Amino acid sequence: MIPSPEQGVWHLGPVPVRAYALCILAGIVVAAWVTTRRMAQRGGPAEKVVDVSMWAVPFGIVGGRLYHVISSPQAYFGAGGRPLDAFKIWEGGLGIWGAVALGAVGTWIGCRRHGVDILQFADALAPGLLIAQAMGRFGNYFNNELYGAPTDLLWGLQIHAWDHSAGRALTDDAGNALVLGTFHPTFLYEALWCLLWAAVLLVWDASRRAPGREPLATGRLFAALIMAYTAGRFVVENLRVDEANHILGLRLNVWTSILVFAFGAWWWSYLGRRDRRSANNVAAPVS
């Protein structure tokens, strides 16, 4: 059994320090570091990664929060909801779909302002983004959230009844944390899937860039990230048992996974066709 934390927030005087926020911030720092190294290896302007990130990160955080609030509006705008809680991002609730979508807008703006090729930047970012997502999932671990069905497997996750506003487990009269049961650690399944594919992308990209090998078309590595992540997320979403809105019997995030996977497959195909057309134009004889 995997124990869960009984506390996810600590106070340094009047300042609350939340594990969820620390995990997100740590993921951002690691992603920026990995992207900087990979940009340098690819001959790109590594010194501009932080400049682009200053646009991408705020847009991504806003997008992630917007997706969460829009896809789960009941807690904020339903009966007994508290609209102002939609701004309490420190209590958790970021949707990767909105973070990537609006983060891409911020990245596009940053790349245009600083003269960076956005597809080259996306390929440099791809493994680091997966690592950041894996690290961010441990924020869910500290919040005792995003778990699957009950299980008695050795790696089952113990979950407490949780007070999200206080950032700690509810307790009984004796002060003992209330345990809801043991469940599938879907946060961990997703984190491990992300780390696996981060490693795959790093090895695959390095092998394709070796002398004598044809490199991937620029942007295709990020398209591969999209397909790999959404395939894993499709499985994880079908294991989760937390409350979610459904469409035609499927969780909203399952449909989102399907649609985003389809976009990634189209993008992969489009970039490949564009690269072949460019190669053919270069190879065509001049009359």
Protein backbone atom coordinates (compact mmCIF):
# COMPACT_ATOMS: atom_id res chain seq x y z
CA MET A 1 0.00 0.00 0.00
CA ILE A 2 1.18 3.52 -0.84
CA PRO A 3 0.42 5.97 2.00
CA SER A 4 -0.89 9.42 1.16
CA PRO A 5 0.18 12.63 2.89
CA GLU A 6 -2.12 13.89 5.61
CA GLN A 7 -1.08 17.46 4.90
CA GLY A 8 -0.46 19.34 1.66
CA VAL A 9 0.16 22.86 2.96
CA TRP A 10 2.60 24.27 5.48
CA HIS A 11 2.85 27.78 6.89
CA LEU A 12 5.97 29.90 7.10
CA GLY A 13 4.51 32.45 9.46
CA PRO A 14 1.47 33.87 7.63
CA VAL A 15 2.62 32.50 4.25
CA PRO A 16 1.09 29.16 3.15
CA VAL A 17 3.41 26.87 1.18
CA ARG A 18 1.37 24.38 -0.86
CA ALA A 19 2.86 21.16 -2.20
CA TYR A 20 0.62 21.39 -5.28
CA ALA A 21 2.12 24.74 -6.27
CA LEU A 22 5.66 23.55 -5.53
CA CYS A 23 5.22 20.52 -7.79
CA ILE A 24 3.93 22.72 -10.63
CA LEU A 25 6.76 25.23 -10.20
CA ALA A 26 9.39 22.48 -10.02
CA GLY A 27 8.00 21.00 -13.25
CA ILE A 28 8.20 24.40 -14.99
CA VAL A 29 11.83 24.88 -13.90
CA VAL A 30 12.85 21.39 -15.06
CA ALA A 31 11.02 21.82 -18.39
CA ALA A 32 12.80 25.14 -19.00
CA TRP A 33 16.17 23.59 -18.16
CA VAL A 34 15.64 20.58 -20.43
CA THR A 35 14.38 22.82 -23.24
CA THR A 36 17.38 25.13 -22.94
CA ARG A 37 19.82 22.22 -23.19
CA ARG A 38 17.97 20.67 -26.12
CA MET A 39 17.70 23.98 -27.95
CA ALA A 40 21.46 24.41 -27.66
CA GLN A 41 22.04 20.87 -28.94
CA ARG A 42 19.83 21.60 -31.94
CA GLY A 43 21.71 24.79 -32.81
CA GLY A 44 18.85 27.06 -31.76
CA PRO A 45 18.88 30.22 -29.62
CA ALA A 46 19.04 28.55 -26.19
CA GLU A 47 19.40 31.92 -24.48
CA LYS A 48 15.87 32.84 -25.57
CA VAL A 49 14.09 29.86 -23.97
CA VAL A 50 13.46 31.79 -20.75
CA ASP A 51 12.20 34.79 -22.75
CA VAL A 52 9.67 32.61 -24.56
CA SER A 53 8.75 30.85 -21.30
CA MET A 54 7.84 34.19 -19.75
CA TRP A 55 4.98 34.27 -22.25
CA ALA A 56 4.15 30.57 -22.36
CA VAL A 57 3.94 29.88 -18.61
CA PRO A 58 1.40 32.57 -17.59
CA PHE A 59 -0.77 31.76 -20.61
CA GLY A 60 -0.53 28.06 -19.76
CA ILE A 61 -1.55 28.55 -16.13
CA VAL A 62 -4.53 30.72 -17.10
CA GLY A 63 -5.53 28.22 -19.79
CA GLY A 64 -5.24 25.30 -17.40
CA ARG A 65 -7.43 27.01 -14.84
CA LEU A 66 -10.01 28.08 -17.43
CA TYR A 67 -10.33 24.51 -18.73
CA HIS A 68 -10.77 23.18 -15.19
CA VAL A 69 -13.45 25.72 -14.29
CA ILE A 70 -15.32 25.35 -17.60
CA SER A 71 -15.22 21.54 -17.53
CA SER A 72 -16.15 21.31 -13.83
CA PRO A 73 -18.37 24.35 -13.22
CA GLN A 74 -20.62 22.89 -10.52
CA ALA A 75 -18.25 23.67 -7.64
CA TYR A 76 -18.13 27.32 -8.68
CA PHE A 77 -21.41 28.18 -10.38
CA GLY A 78 -23.76 25.32 -9.46
CA ALA A 79 -26.12 25.11 -6.52
CA GLY A 80 -24.17 26.14 -3.45
CA GLY A 81 -21.14 26.93 -5.59
CA ARG A 82 -18.65 29.65 -4.72
CA PRO A 83 -17.69 31.66 -7.82
CA LEU A 84 -14.72 33.36 -6.18
CA ASP A 85 -13.13 29.95 -5.57
CA ALA A 86 -12.51 29.79 -9.33
CA PHE A 87 -9.57 32.12 -8.67
CA LYS A 88 -8.08 29.94 -5.91
CA ILE A 89 -5.62 28.19 -8.15
CA TRP A 90 -3.44 27.28 -5.16
CA GLU A 91 -6.09 24.79 -4.00
CA GLY A 92 -5.55 22.71 -7.15
CA GLY A 93 -7.38 22.39 -10.41
CA LEU A 94 -5.42 22.83 -13.63
CA GLY A 95 -6.44 21.12 -16.86
CA ILE A 96 -3.51 20.06 -19.06
CA TRP A 97 -5.67 20.55 -22.18
CA GLY A 98 -6.25 24.23 -21.46
CA ALA A 99 -2.66 24.69 -20.30
CA VAL A 100 -1.25 23.34 -23.56
CA ALA A 101 -3.79 25.16 -25.75
CA LEU A 102 -3.37 28.61 -24.24
CA GLY A 103 0.29 27.92 -23.46
CA ALA A 104 0.76 27.36 -27.20
CA VAL A 105 -0.67 30.82 -27.82
CA GLY A 106 1.78 32.31 -25.33
CA THR A 107 4.61 30.33 -26.93
CA TRP A 108 3.64 31.61 -30.38
CA ILE A 109 3.66 35.20 -29.12
CA GLY A 110 6.99 34.71 -27.35
CA CYS A 111 8.58 33.04 -30.37
CA ARG A 112 7.43 35.82 -32.70
CA ARG A 113 8.67 38.55 -30.36
CA HIS A 114 12.08 36.92 -29.89
CA GLY A 115 12.65 35.52 -33.38
CA VAL A 116 12.45 31.81 -32.47
CA ASP A 117 11.14 29.07 -34.78
CA ILE A 118 8.08 27.79 -32.92
CA LEU A 119 8.31 24.25 -34.33
CA GLN A 120 11.95 24.00 -33.33
CA PHE A 121 11.00 25.28 -29.89
CA ALA A 122 8.15 22.74 -29.62
CA ASP A 123 10.47 19.83 -30.44
CA ALA A 124 13.02 21.05 -27.90
CA LEU A 125 10.25 21.37 -25.31
CA ALA A 126 8.54 18.00 -25.89
CA PRO A 127 10.43 15.71 -23.44
CA GLY A 128 10.65 18.41 -20.78
CA LEU A 129 6.90 19.06 -21.00
CA LEU A 130 6.20 15.39 -20.29
CA ILE A 131 8.57 15.47 -17.31
CA ALA A 132 6.83 18.62 -16.03
CA GLN A 133 3.42 16.94 -16.33
CA ALA A 134 4.72 13.94 -14.37
CA MET A 135 6.05 16.18 -11.63
CA GLY A 136 2.83 18.17 -11.52
CA ARG A 137 0.84 14.96 -10.94
CA PHE A 138 2.55 14.59 -7.57
CA GLY A 139 0.73 17.75 -6.56
CA ASN A 140 -2.45 15.67 -6.94
CA TYR A 141 -0.83 13.07 -4.68
CA PHE A 142 -0.32 15.65 -1.94
CA ASN A 143 -3.94 16.77 -2.41
CA ASN A 144 -5.30 13.20 -2.13
CA GLU A 145 -7.08 13.48 -5.49
CA LEU A 146 -7.32 11.93 -8.96
CA TYR A 147 -7.49 8.27 -7.97
CA GLY A 148 -9.16 5.23 -9.47
CA ALA A 149 -11.41 2.44 -8.27
CA PRO A 150 -10.87 0.62 -4.95
CA THR A 151 -8.14 -2.01 -5.09
CA ASP A 152 -6.26 -4.42 -2.82
CA LEU A 153 -3.15 -4.48 -5.04
CA LEU A 154 0.21 -3.92 -3.35
CA TRP A 155 0.52 -0.51 -4.98
CA GLY A 156 -2.95 0.62 -3.93
CA LEU A 157 -3.07 4.24 -2.77
CA GLN A 158 -4.51 5.12 0.64
CA ILE A 159 -6.80 8.14 0.33
CA HIS A 160 -7.97 10.41 3.15
CA ALA A 161 -11.13 12.45 3.46
CA TRP A 162 -9.76 15.86 2.49
CA ASP A 163 -10.37 19.51 3.30
CA HIS A 164 -9.09 21.26 0.16
CA SER A 165 -9.39 24.76 1.62
CA ALA A 166 -7.21 23.83 4.60
CA GLY A 167 -4.98 21.52 2.60
CA ARG A 168 -5.14 18.65 5.07
CA ALA A 169 -6.98 15.44 5.90
CA LEU A 170 -10.15 15.56 7.97
CA THR A 171 -9.77 13.98 11.39
CA ASP A 172 -11.96 12.10 13.86
CA ASP A 173 -12.57 13.12 17.47
CA ALA A 174 -9.27 11.52 18.48
CA GLY A 175 -7.36 13.55 15.90
CA ASN A 176 -6.68 10.62 13.56
CA ALA A 177 -6.89 11.23 9.82
CA LEU A 178 -10.02 9.77 8.24
CA VAL A 179 -9.23 7.16 5.59
CA LEU A 180 -11.65 6.64 2.70
CA GLY A 181 -9.99 3.45 1.47
CA THR A 182 -7.32 2.14 -0.89
CA PHE A 183 -7.60 3.00 -4.59
CA HIS A 184 -5.72 2.76 -7.88
CA PRO A 185 -3.05 5.53 -7.94
CA THR A 186 -4.03 6.92 -11.33
CA PHE A 187 -1.90 10.02 -10.73
CA LEU A 188 1.10 7.67 -10.54
CA TYR A 189 0.08 5.71 -13.63
CA GLU A 190 -0.03 8.94 -15.62
CA ALA A 191 3.26 10.20 -14.16
CA LEU A 192 5.06 6.96 -15.05
CA TRP A 193 3.56 7.02 -18.57
CA CYS A 194 4.84 10.57 -19.06
CA LEU A 195 8.33 9.71 -17.82
CA LEU A 196 8.45 6.63 -20.05
CA TRP A 197 7.58 8.65 -23.13
CA ALA A 198 9.94 11.46 -22.19
CA ALA A 199 12.73 8.87 -22.26
CA VAL A 200 11.43 7.38 -25.53
CA LEU A 201 11.32 10.78 -27.23
CA LEU A 202 14.83 11.67 -26.04
CA VAL A 203 16.32 8.40 -27.31
CA TRP A 204 14.30 8.43 -30.55
CA ASP A 205 15.19 12.03 -31.35
CA ALA A 206 18.88 11.43 -30.64
CA SER A 207 18.94 8.34 -32.84
CA ARG A 208 17.24 10.15 -35.74
CA ARG A 209 19.70 13.03 -35.49
CA ALA A 210 22.75 10.74 -35.62
CA PRO A 211 25.03 11.01 -38.68
CA GLY A 212 23.67 9.11 -41.64
CA ARG A 213 20.08 9.08 -40.34
CA GLU A 214 17.20 11.13 -41.70
CA PRO A 215 15.99 13.46 -38.92
CA LEU A 216 12.33 13.83 -38.09
CA ALA A 217 10.51 16.69 -39.76
CA THR A 218 10.58 19.73 -37.49
CA GLY A 219 7.53 19.68 -35.22
CA ARG A 220 6.93 15.95 -35.52
CA LEU A 221 8.44 15.18 -32.12
CA PHE A 222 5.81 17.38 -30.49
CA ALA A 223 3.11 15.68 -32.56
CA ALA A 224 4.39 12.34 -31.24
CA LEU A 225 4.13 13.75 -27.70
CA ILE A 226 0.50 14.66 -28.31
CA MET A 227 -0.41 11.17 -29.53
CA ALA A 228 1.56 9.37 -26.80
CA TYR A 229 0.17 11.47 -23.94
CA THR A 230 -3.45 11.33 -25.09
CA ALA A 231 -3.30 7.54 -25.59
CA GLY A 232 -2.17 7.13 -21.99
CA ARG A 233 -4.62 9.72 -20.71
CA PHE A 234 -7.48 7.87 -22.45
CA VAL A 235 -6.68 4.77 -20.38
CA VAL A 236 -6.13 6.68 -17.13
CA GLU A 237 -9.38 8.64 -17.49
CA ASN A 238 -11.33 5.39 -17.79
CA LEU A 239 -9.79 4.21 -14.51
CA ARG A 240 -10.65 7.33 -12.50
CA VAL A 241 -13.70 7.44 -10.26
CA ASP A 242 -13.73 11.08 -9.18
CA GLU A 243 -16.69 13.21 -10.19
CA ALA A 244 -16.67 14.37 -13.79
CA ASN A 245 -19.06 15.60 -16.43
CA HIS A 246 -20.05 12.99 -19.02
CA ILE A 247 -21.05 13.19 -22.69
CA LEU A 248 -22.72 10.15 -24.26
CA GLY A 249 -21.65 8.05 -21.31
CA LEU A 250 -17.96 8.99 -21.44
CA ARG A 251 -16.04 11.39 -19.24
CA LEU A 252 -15.40 14.77 -20.87
CA ASN A 253 -11.64 14.22 -20.67
CA VAL A 254 -11.99 10.94 -22.55
CA TRP A 255 -13.58 12.79 -25.48
CA THR A 256 -10.91 15.47 -25.23
CA SER A 257 -8.21 12.78 -25.36
CA ILE A 258 -9.75 11.32 -28.52
CA LEU A 259 -10.03 14.69 -30.25
CA VAL A 260 -6.52 15.83 -29.30
CA PHE A 261 -5.06 12.46 -30.38
CA ALA A 262 -6.76 12.91 -33.76
CA PHE A 263 -5.25 16.39 -34.04
CA GLY A 264 -1.80 15.01 -33.18
CA ALA A 265 -2.15 12.29 -35.83
CA TRP A 266 -3.21 14.87 -38.43
CA TRP A 267 -0.34 17.17 -37.48
CA TRP A 268 2.17 14.29 -37.71
CA SER A 269 0.89 13.45 -41.20
CA TYR A 270 0.77 17.09 -42.34
CA LEU A 271 4.34 17.82 -41.22
CA GLY A 272 5.58 14.70 -42.97
CA ARG A 273 3.88 15.65 -46.23
CA ARG A 274 5.18 19.21 -46.01
CA ASP A 275 8.71 17.98 -45.40
CA ARG A 276 8.55 15.65 -48.41
CA ARG A 277 7.24 18.46 -50.63
CA SER A 278 10.12 20.68 -49.54
CA ALA A 279 12.62 17.94 -50.25
CA ASN A 280 11.12 17.34 -53.70
CA ASN A 281 11.24 21.03 -54.54
CA VAL A 282 14.90 21.20 -53.56
CA ALA A 283 15.71 18.07 -55.57
CA ALA A 284 13.77 19.17 -58.71
CA PRO A 285 16.10 20.15 -61.60
CA VAL A 286 16.16 23.78 -62.65
CA SER A 287 15.06 24.20 -66.29
